[in-house]
């Protein structure tokens, strides 16, 4: 292999140190001091790889390697470097390090490509700080505006706009992050699988052909507060009881839809939050995913109708706000065929598969050809401290992406 397992391991371990929750998994939120330190590390490694470095208006780090013809569109390689709260060290950084290692190998082997390359490290893919996931890639395709930066805020009430400003970025320039599709030939992302399939089936590589669609909503249910000891049970208008019934029904809706459709309520807040106070208001998130767009839309409609019916019956009120809506994506065959050929050339076993998780690749697929490569996750665990991918498996994935990039970017043949 041309890649170095030791360098890959070193990058993963060094990046994992920029962490707000040592010994409790990885927490690296966007526009935080941990973001700043990780950003400095990534830029330093890009500089060592002799890349031209800049940051776009959304905060994505980009390292450019010139091609033989720099008027041609770029081939991009990368992923994100933010994390969920108390997550793992591989989700996102594995793809960023893929780009760094490929850049180093190209330099060591003195390889030139006809098309220029860009190695990218995106932020806020997880949405863990502001609840606005896939932020870097959505900015690249023009789906983030100035109003969005004032709309979303963290748990302390800090808006994206303020966080950007405090960090040194100008939120007024956010639309400048948009890329002209004509300037991008392809995008490659390597990611850990975050599930058990590859490990269970003893496959080295997953080649994604479909990424599920995702709709995310914020729902607020409002009832009437009261004293927990003096308000009779038959005279209560308890927002939490109502919300609990809704949450249970959402679970059943996804089971009824079938075909791998899932719905998750992963965040719930009760107000005012006292042990001796009947809840007046409940806020909760809903995440719906499916390969079938119609099933996502049907569940959203059913949730709205259920809220309307139950709130009318119990004299409560509700608000339902859509945060993110991304259609299911079928990835192009031309890229996946190259990836399969390279797996066969390298002697790696592979499996074509569906991604149940959302990735920056699904957003960029709206403007360019995309290749999404999975490597095995130990016990299928992700978004937790136990998240792990063996370094030799990660190295195999990087080798596959390297070989495919050389095809799409058209490696210069030595004469």
Protein backbone atom coordinates (compact mmCIF):
# COMPACT_ATOMS: atom_id res chain seq x y z
CA UNK A 1 0.00 0.00 0.00
CA UNK A 2 1.14 3.55 -0.69
CA UNK A 3 -0.68 5.08 2.30
CA UNK A 4 0.78 5.07 5.81
CA UNK A 5 -1.22 3.45 8.62
CA UNK A 6 0.98 5.19 11.18
CA UNK A 7 0.21 8.65 9.76
CA UNK A 8 -3.50 7.84 9.62
CA UNK A 9 -3.44 6.64 13.24
CA UNK A 10 -1.48 9.71 14.34
CA UNK A 11 -3.96 12.09 12.68
CA UNK A 12 -6.99 10.39 14.27
CA UNK A 13 -5.40 10.41 17.72
CA UNK A 14 -4.14 13.99 17.48
CA UNK A 15 -7.52 15.32 16.33
CA UNK A 16 -9.27 13.43 19.14
CA UNK A 17 -7.37 15.52 21.71
CA UNK A 18 -9.28 18.67 20.69
CA UNK A 19 -12.19 17.66 22.84
CA UNK A 20 -14.53 19.34 25.36
CA UNK A 21 -15.36 16.06 27.13
CA UNK A 22 -12.16 14.07 27.81
CA UNK A 23 -12.85 10.52 29.05
CA UNK A 24 -16.51 10.89 28.05
CA UNK A 25 -16.27 10.54 24.28
CA UNK A 26 -15.54 13.28 21.76
CA UNK A 27 -17.36 16.62 21.93
CA UNK A 28 -16.20 19.13 19.34
CA UNK A 29 -18.86 21.69 18.50
CA UNK A 30 -18.67 24.21 15.69
CA UNK A 31 -17.09 27.62 16.34
CA UNK A 32 -15.77 26.48 19.73
CA UNK A 33 -12.26 26.52 21.15
CA UNK A 34 -12.00 22.82 20.27
CA UNK A 35 -13.01 23.66 16.70
CA UNK A 36 -10.27 26.30 16.62
CA UNK A 37 -7.57 23.89 17.76
CA UNK A 38 -8.69 21.15 15.36
CA UNK A 39 -8.85 23.74 12.58
CA UNK A 40 -5.27 24.83 13.29
CA UNK A 41 -4.10 21.21 13.19
CA UNK A 42 -5.85 20.48 9.89
CA UNK A 43 -4.49 23.63 8.28
CA UNK A 44 -0.99 22.85 9.52
CA UNK A 45 -1.18 19.38 7.95
CA UNK A 46 -2.51 20.86 4.73
CA UNK A 47 0.38 23.31 4.69
CA UNK A 48 2.85 20.45 5.18
CA UNK A 49 1.21 18.74 2.18
CA UNK A 50 1.91 21.89 0.13
CA UNK A 51 -1.74 22.74 -0.41
CA UNK A 52 -3.09 26.25 -0.98
CA UNK A 53 -5.33 26.82 2.04
CA UNK A 54 -8.41 28.99 2.44
CA UNK A 55 -11.67 28.93 4.38
CA UNK A 56 -15.01 29.56 2.72
CA UNK A 57 -17.68 31.89 4.09
CA UNK A 58 -19.31 29.08 6.11
CA UNK A 59 -16.08 28.04 7.83
CA UNK A 60 -15.17 25.01 5.73
CA UNK A 61 -11.40 24.50 5.40
CA UNK A 62 -10.21 23.92 1.83
CA UNK A 63 -6.75 22.87 0.68
CA UNK A 64 -6.20 23.09 -3.08
CA UNK A 65 -3.69 21.08 -5.10
CA UNK A 66 -3.13 22.42 -8.56
CA UNK A 67 -3.73 20.25 -11.59
CA UNK A 68 -2.12 20.25 -14.99
CA UNK A 69 -5.03 22.38 -16.22
CA UNK A 70 -6.31 24.59 -13.42
CA UNK A 71 -9.17 25.91 -15.53
CA UNK A 72 -10.87 22.53 -15.18
CA UNK A 73 -13.35 21.75 -12.38
CA UNK A 74 -11.97 20.28 -9.15
CA UNK A 75 -12.24 16.80 -7.72
CA UNK A 76 -13.06 17.14 -4.00
CA UNK A 77 -12.16 14.76 -1.20
CA UNK A 78 -13.22 15.21 2.43
CA UNK A 79 -15.80 15.12 5.19
CA UNK A 80 -16.53 16.98 8.45
CA UNK A 81 -14.58 17.48 11.68
CA UNK A 82 -17.30 18.47 14.16
CA UNK A 83 -18.90 15.85 16.41
CA UNK A 84 -22.04 15.02 18.33
CA UNK A 85 -21.90 15.42 22.11
CA UNK A 86 -19.95 12.55 23.68
CA UNK A 87 -19.42 10.87 20.33
CA UNK A 88 -16.49 8.99 18.83
CA UNK A 89 -13.18 9.80 17.14
CA UNK A 90 -13.90 8.47 13.64
CA UNK A 91 -17.24 9.92 12.52
CA UNK A 92 -16.17 12.68 10.12
CA UNK A 93 -12.42 12.91 10.88
CA UNK A 94 -11.85 9.60 9.04
CA UNK A 95 -12.93 11.34 5.83
CA UNK A 96 -10.93 14.49 6.52
CA UNK A 97 -7.82 12.41 7.15
CA UNK A 98 -8.50 10.51 3.93
CA UNK A 99 -7.93 13.78 2.09
CA UNK A 100 -4.78 14.64 4.06
CA UNK A 101 -3.25 11.22 3.46
CA UNK A 102 -4.07 11.24 -0.25
CA UNK A 103 -2.41 14.65 -0.63
CA UNK A 104 0.73 13.34 1.10
CA UNK A 105 0.88 10.21 -1.07
CA UNK A 106 0.52 12.23 -4.27
CA UNK A 107 3.45 14.38 -3.20
CA UNK A 108 5.60 11.40 -2.23
CA UNK A 109 4.95 9.67 -5.55
CA UNK A 110 5.27 12.93 -7.49
CA UNK A 111 1.89 12.33 -9.11
CA UNK A 112 0.22 15.06 -11.15
CA UNK A 113 -3.45 15.06 -12.09
CA UNK A 114 -5.07 16.75 -15.03
CA UNK A 115 -7.86 18.10 -12.83
CA UNK A 116 -7.09 20.17 -9.71
CA UNK A 117 -7.95 18.63 -6.34
CA UNK A 118 -9.54 20.14 -3.24
CA UNK A 119 -9.30 18.55 0.18
CA UNK A 120 -12.08 19.80 2.44
CA UNK A 121 -12.98 19.74 6.13
CA UNK A 122 -16.54 20.87 6.81
CA UNK A 123 -18.23 22.01 10.02
CA UNK A 124 -21.62 21.53 11.70
CA UNK A 125 -22.49 18.40 9.75
CA UNK A 126 -23.91 16.89 12.91
CA UNK A 127 -25.92 19.95 13.92
CA UNK A 128 -24.98 19.23 17.54
CA UNK A 129 -24.52 22.86 18.53
CA UNK A 130 -27.14 24.76 16.53
CA UNK A 131 -29.51 22.05 15.37
CA UNK A 132 -28.74 22.92 11.76
CA UNK A 133 -26.96 19.88 10.37
CA UNK A 134 -25.08 19.52 7.08
CA UNK A 135 -24.29 23.23 7.40
CA UNK A 136 -21.01 23.30 5.48
CA UNK A 137 -22.28 21.31 2.50
CA UNK A 138 -25.66 23.06 2.43
CA UNK A 139 -23.81 26.38 2.31
CA UNK A 140 -21.79 25.07 -0.64
CA UNK A 141 -24.93 24.34 -2.63
CA UNK A 142 -26.60 27.63 -1.74
CA UNK A 143 -29.15 26.32 0.78
CA UNK A 144 -28.14 28.54 3.69
CA UNK A 145 -29.07 32.23 3.80
CA UNK A 146 -28.47 35.10 6.22
CA UNK A 147 -31.90 34.58 7.81
CA UNK A 148 -30.96 31.01 8.73
CA UNK A 149 -27.95 32.27 10.67
CA UNK A 150 -30.21 34.34 12.92
CA UNK A 151 -32.87 31.65 13.17
CA UNK A 152 -30.84 28.82 14.73
CA UNK A 153 -29.12 29.10 18.10
CA UNK A 154 -27.41 26.90 20.65
CA UNK A 155 -28.67 25.99 24.13
CA UNK A 156 -27.30 29.28 25.48
CA UNK A 157 -29.21 31.34 22.92
CA UNK A 158 -26.17 32.14 20.78
CA UNK A 159 -27.16 32.34 17.13
CA UNK A 160 -25.04 30.92 14.33
CA UNK A 161 -24.47 34.50 13.15
CA UNK A 162 -23.08 35.61 16.51
CA UNK A 163 -20.95 32.50 16.89
CA UNK A 164 -19.48 33.06 13.43
CA UNK A 165 -18.80 36.71 14.16
CA UNK A 166 -17.11 35.90 17.47
CA UNK A 167 -15.02 33.26 15.69
CA UNK A 168 -13.83 35.65 13.00
CA UNK A 169 -16.21 34.93 10.12
CA UNK A 170 -18.60 37.46 8.64
CA UNK A 171 -22.14 35.98 8.54
CA UNK A 172 -23.15 38.62 5.99
CA UNK A 173 -20.96 36.80 3.47
CA UNK A 174 -22.59 33.37 3.88
CA UNK A 175 -23.94 33.25 0.33
CA UNK A 176 -20.38 33.52 -0.98
CA UNK A 177 -19.85 29.93 0.17
CA UNK A 178 -22.06 28.75 -2.71
CA UNK A 179 -20.15 26.90 -5.40
CA UNK A 180 -20.94 26.93 -9.08
CA UNK A 181 -21.67 23.29 -10.04
CA UNK A 182 -19.54 23.79 -13.13
CA UNK A 183 -16.46 24.18 -10.90
CA UNK A 184 -16.77 20.71 -9.30
CA UNK A 185 -16.24 17.49 -11.26
CA UNK A 186 -16.80 15.04 -8.39
CA UNK A 187 -16.80 14.64 -4.61
CA UNK A 188 -15.47 11.66 -2.67
CA UNK A 189 -16.30 11.04 0.98
CA UNK A 190 -15.01 8.19 3.11
CA UNK A 191 -17.03 7.52 6.25
CA UNK A 192 -17.32 4.86 8.90
CA UNK A 193 -20.41 2.73 8.31
CA UNK A 194 -21.99 3.49 11.72
CA UNK A 195 -23.76 0.15 11.50
CA UNK A 196 -22.95 -3.59 11.79
CA UNK A 197 -23.37 -4.81 8.20
CA UNK A 198 -19.78 -4.74 6.91
CA UNK A 199 -18.34 -6.30 10.05
CA UNK A 200 -21.05 -8.98 10.20
CA UNK A 201 -20.59 -9.91 6.54
CA UNK A 202 -16.78 -9.66 6.74
CA UNK A 203 -16.54 -7.04 3.99
CA UNK A 204 -13.69 -4.57 3.72
CA UNK A 205 -15.51 -1.80 1.88
CA UNK A 206 -19.06 -0.51 1.51
CA UNK A 207 -19.90 1.27 -1.75
CA UNK A 208 -23.02 3.34 -1.22
CA UNK A 209 -25.52 3.47 -4.05
CA UNK A 210 -28.40 5.17 -2.19
CA UNK A 211 -28.59 7.63 0.71
CA UNK A 212 -31.91 7.88 2.53
CA UNK A 213 -33.88 11.10 2.60
CA UNK A 214 -34.20 13.00 5.86
CA UNK A 215 -36.83 15.34 7.27
CA UNK A 216 -36.24 16.92 10.68
CA UNK A 217 -38.85 18.87 12.65
CA UNK A 218 -39.10 20.83 15.87
CA UNK A 219 -42.47 20.40 17.60
CA UNK A 220 -43.81 22.41 20.52
CA UNK A 221 -46.92 21.39 22.48
CA UNK A 222 -48.46 23.84 24.97
CA UNK A 223 -50.97 22.97 27.67
CA UNK A 224 -51.71 24.59 31.05
CA UNK A 225 -49.37 24.65 34.03
CA UNK A 226 -50.56 24.00 37.58
CA UNK A 227 -49.65 22.74 41.03
CA UNK A 228 -48.84 19.02 41.06
CA UNK A 229 -50.57 18.48 44.40
CA UNK A 230 -53.72 20.57 44.09
CA UNK A 231 -54.89 20.01 40.50
CA UNK A 232 -57.14 16.91 40.14
CA UNK A 233 -56.12 14.44 37.43
CA UNK A 234 -59.38 14.91 35.52
CA UNK A 235 -58.89 18.69 35.39
CA UNK A 236 -55.34 18.74 34.01
CA UNK A 237 -54.06 19.85 30.64
CA UNK A 238 -50.61 18.25 30.89
CA UNK A 239 -48.38 19.01 27.88
CA UNK A 240 -45.99 16.15 28.68
CA UNK A 241 -48.75 13.53 28.76
CA UNK A 242 -49.96 14.80 25.39
CA UNK A 243 -46.44 14.88 23.95
CA UNK A 244 -45.76 11.36 25.23
CA UNK A 245 -48.77 10.02 23.35
CA UNK A 246 -47.59 11.79 20.18
CA UNK A 247 -44.08 10.36 20.51
CA UNK A 248 -45.43 6.84 20.85
CA UNK A 249 -47.62 7.27 17.76
CA UNK A 250 -44.66 8.57 15.71
CA UNK A 251 -42.81 5.34 16.50
CA UNK A 252 -45.78 3.31 15.28
CA UNK A 253 -46.07 5.39 12.10
CA UNK A 254 -42.53 4.45 11.04
CA UNK A 255 -43.12 0.76 11.80
CA UNK A 256 -46.27 0.84 9.70
CA UNK A 257 -44.47 2.54 6.78
CA UNK A 258 -41.92 -0.29 6.62
CA UNK A 259 -39.17 -0.73 4.01
CA UNK A 260 -36.51 0.51 6.39
CA UNK A 261 -38.33 3.76 7.24
CA UNK A 262 -37.37 5.09 10.67
CA UNK A 263 -38.56 7.92 12.91
CA UNK A 264 -36.77 9.12 16.02
CA UNK A 265 -37.55 11.58 18.80
CA UNK A 266 -34.06 12.19 20.11
CA UNK A 267 -34.44 15.41 22.04
CA UNK A 268 -37.20 16.46 24.45
CA UNK A 269 -37.41 19.41 26.83
CA UNK A 270 -40.08 20.01 29.47
CA UNK A 271 -41.04 23.46 30.76
CA UNK A 272 -40.99 24.81 33.38
CA UNK A 273 -39.28 21.62 34.51
CA UNK A 274 -40.20 21.45 38.20
CA UNK A 275 -40.89 18.18 40.02
CA UNK A 276 -44.04 19.67 41.59
CA UNK A 277 -45.32 21.55 38.52
CA UNK A 278 -47.62 20.20 35.81
CA UNK A 279 -45.72 20.70 32.52
CA UNK A 280 -47.02 23.64 30.53
CA UNK A 281 -44.89 23.19 27.42
CA UNK A 282 -42.91 20.40 25.79
CA UNK A 283 -40.47 20.80 22.92
CA UNK A 284 -39.20 17.78 21.01
CA UNK A 285 -37.37 16.93 17.81
CA UNK A 286 -38.47 14.44 15.14
CA UNK A 287 -36.13 12.83 12.61
CA UNK A 288 -37.74 10.81 9.79
CA UNK A 289 -35.66 8.83 7.27
CA UNK A 290 -36.51 6.61 4.33
CA UNK A 291 -35.32 5.67 0.86
CA UNK A 292 -38.86 6.55 -0.28
CA UNK A 293 -39.67 10.26 -0.31
CA UNK A 294 -43.40 9.54 -0.29
CA UNK A 295 -43.13 7.68 3.01
CA UNK A 296 -41.33 10.64 4.61
CA UNK A 297 -44.01 13.03 3.38
CA UNK A 298 -46.80 10.71 4.54
CA UNK A 299 -45.41 10.49 8.07
CA UNK A 300 -44.99 14.27 8.26
CA UNK A 301 -48.63 14.70 7.22
CA UNK A 302 -49.79 12.09 9.74
CA UNK A 303 -47.86 13.80 12.55
CA UNK A 304 -49.44 17.16 11.72
CA UNK A 305 -52.94 15.66 11.60
CA UNK A 306 -52.37 13.81 14.88
CA UNK A 307 -51.18 16.99 16.59
CA UNK A 308 -54.16 18.92 15.27
CA UNK A 309 -56.63 16.28 16.44
CA UNK A 310 -55.14 15.67 19.89
CA UNK A 311 -54.56 19.34 20.69
CA UNK A 312 -58.11 20.23 19.71
CA UNK A 313 -59.45 17.42 21.90
CA UNK A 314 -57.36 18.46 24.90
CA UNK A 315 -57.56 22.23 24.37
CA UNK A 316 -53.84 22.53 23.78
CA UNK A 317 -51.77 24.26 21.11
CA UNK A 318 -48.89 23.16 18.92
CA UNK A 319 -46.26 24.41 16.49
CA UNK A 320 -44.50 22.20 13.96
CA UNK A 321 -41.46 23.61 12.20
CA UNK A 322 -39.45 21.87 9.48
CA UNK A 323 -35.69 22.22 10.08
CA UNK A 324 -34.18 20.14 7.31
CA UNK A 325 -35.58 18.35 4.29
CA UNK A 326 -33.30 16.33 2.03
CA UNK A 327 -34.62 13.98 -0.64
CA UNK A 328 -33.30 10.42 -0.98
CA UNK A 329 -30.28 10.34 -3.29
CA UNK A 330 -29.28 7.69 -5.82
CA UNK A 331 -25.54 8.01 -6.36
CA UNK A 332 -24.17 7.88 -9.93
CA UNK A 333 -23.12 4.51 -11.35
CA UNK A 334 -20.01 5.87 -13.04
CA UNK A 335 -18.31 6.62 -9.72
CA UNK A 336 -19.45 3.42 -8.00
CA UNK A 337 -18.22 1.32 -10.92
CA UNK A 338 -14.76 2.87 -10.60
CA UNK A 339 -14.78 2.17 -6.85
CA UNK A 340 -15.77 -1.46 -7.44
CA UNK A 341 -13.01 -1.95 -10.01
CA UNK A 342 -10.45 -0.52 -7.59
CA UNK A 343 -11.63 -2.83 -4.78
CA UNK A 344 -11.15 -5.78 -7.11
CA UNK A 345 -7.72 -4.54 -8.21
CA UNK A 346 -6.60 -4.16 -4.58
CA UNK A 347 -8.09 -7.50 -3.53
CA UNK A 348 -10.59 -5.98 -1.08
CA UNK A 349 -14.04 -7.45 -0.57
CA UNK A 350 -16.92 -5.00 -0.97
CA UNK A 351 -20.67 -4.63 -0.74
CA UNK A 352 -23.06 -2.21 -2.41
CA UNK A 353 -25.30 -0.75 0.26
CA UNK A 354 -27.74 1.91 1.38
CA UNK A 355 -26.71 4.63 3.82
CA UNK A 356 -29.26 5.13 6.57
CA UNK A 357 -27.28 8.09 7.89
CA UNK A 358 -27.13 11.49 6.27
CA UNK A 359 -23.75 12.74 5.05
CA UNK A 360 -22.37 15.81 3.32
CA UNK A 361 -22.17 13.61 0.22
CA UNK A 362 -25.97 13.58 -0.04
CA UNK A 363 -26.04 17.38 -0.26
CA UNK A 364 -23.20 17.70 -2.75
CA UNK A 365 -24.86 15.01 -4.88
CA UNK A 366 -27.30 17.75 -5.84
CA UNK A 367 -24.61 19.56 -7.82
CA UNK A 368 -21.97 16.97 -8.76
CA UNK A 369 -21.13 13.27 -9.08
CA UNK A 370 -20.45 11.68 -5.69
CA UNK A 371 -18.68 8.59 -4.42
CA UNK A 372 -19.40 7.52 -0.82
CA UNK A 373 -17.21 4.79 0.68
CA UNK A 374 -17.85 3.03 4.00
CA UNK A 375 -15.37 1.21 6.21
CA UNK A 376 -16.46 -1.18 9.00
CA UNK A 377 -17.54 0.01 12.43
CA UNK A 378 -16.66 -2.23 15.38
CA UNK A 379 -19.92 -3.79 16.67
CA UNK A 380 -21.76 -1.23 14.52
CA UNK A 381 -21.33 1.43 17.20
CA UNK A 382 -21.24 5.16 16.43
CA UNK A 383 -22.15 8.48 18.05
CA UNK A 384 -20.77 7.09 21.30
CA UNK A 385 -17.37 6.82 23.04
CA UNK A 386 -17.08 3.15 21.95
CA UNK A 387 -17.04 4.11 18.26
CA UNK A 388 -14.09 2.37 16.59
CA UNK A 389 -12.70 1.37 13.21
CA UNK A 390 -9.48 -0.64 12.98
CA UNK A 391 -6.71 1.38 11.38
CA UNK A 392 -5.92 -1.28 8.79
CA UNK A 393 -9.57 -1.18 7.69
CA UNK A 394 -9.49 2.61 7.49
CA UNK A 395 -6.28 2.38 5.46
CA UNK A 396 -7.96 0.03 2.97
CA UNK A 397 -10.77 2.54 2.47
CA UNK A 398 -8.30 5.37 1.88
CA UNK A 399 -6.43 3.23 -0.68
CA UNK A 400 -9.67 2.66 -2.59
CA UNK A 401 -10.54 6.37 -2.60
CA UNK A 402 -6.99 7.25 -3.70
CA UNK A 403 -7.15 4.89 -6.66
CA UNK A 404 -10.59 6.16 -7.69
CA UNK A 405 -9.53 9.80 -7.41
CA UNK A 406 -6.61 9.13 -9.75
CA UNK A 407 -9.08 7.84 -12.35
CA UNK A 408 -11.59 10.70 -12.07
CA UNK A 409 -8.91 13.42 -11.78
CA UNK A 410 -6.97 11.74 -14.62
CA UNK A 411 -3.53 10.88 -13.35
CA UNK A 412 -0.74 11.95 -15.66
CA UNK A 413 0.81 8.89 -17.23
CA UNK A 414 4.60 8.79 -17.23
CA UNK A 415 6.06 8.52 -20.69
